[in-house]
Amino acid sequence: MKENKYDDPAFFANYSQMRRSIDGLTAAGEWYAFREMLPDLQGKKVLDLGCGFGWHCRYAREQGALSVVGVDISENMLARARESAHDAAIEYRREAIEDIDFAEGAFDVVISSLALHYVEHFDIVCNKVNHCLVAGGAFVLSVEHPVFTALAAQDWYYDAEGKRLHWPVDGYQDEGLRQTNFLNNDVIKYHRTITTLINSLIDAGFSITKLSEPQPAAEVLARYPEMKDETRRPIFLLIAAVKKR
């Protein structure tokens, strides 16, 4: 199933008002950890899967990437990305992540930020990414943490006064589709265990080099105090892997 909520005008309008949408990477609490997991991008050919507004594409170019391809299913996302910077070395393509079909060894680095939990067949994407990477190429990705995606409600457990008591986890081993609510819309995500995520990468021919379950950066918490509860449970899982030579 290839869902595209972002081309719904009302949903996109709400999404565009999120802090991450307005302030970009500086408002992403996990960015400091994701950035540290990226390899040297100087002179590299980079692919960004689920590129959204193009923040990571532009960052790659700022770091000296030779060329960048950004893939996203949403025309609204791609239009905003194109408006934000005019750079002939960045190519934006409208395509579902599952449908990518690049030549063998076309890229040195593939990145994906908070997009792959919308993809039904993670294993297929891993194999396609491996195919389009050079030997020794890097795949760095972030997804919503399985502790976060296990329950479709994706919400805290509250007491009678509305105080957040704890984050419930149930059905963790029951992988598959979750009908969640995001920005007052029904959105489909796919829950996978950490084991499945890691083994899918290994089975596709990758070696895992680093994992991270980052808390929001201190400067982000200082700027956005409403994020203080994000330190109480992991919300993102970051994985760095390399294609075996």
Foldseek 3Di string as FASTA:
>chain_A
DFDDPCQVVVVVVLVCPDPCNVVNLVLDQCSVVLVVLDDQQAQWEEEEEQCFLPRVVVVSVVSHHQAYEYEHQDPVRVVNNCVVDPDPRYHYDRDHLLPDDDAFQQTQEYEYEADCQQPFDPLSSLLRVLRNHDAFGKYKYKHWALQQPQAQASDADADPVRDGDGRDHDNSCVWAWHQHADSNDTGIGTHDHPVVNVVSNVVSAKDWDDKDQDQGDPVSCVVPVVSVCCVRDGTMIMTMITHHD
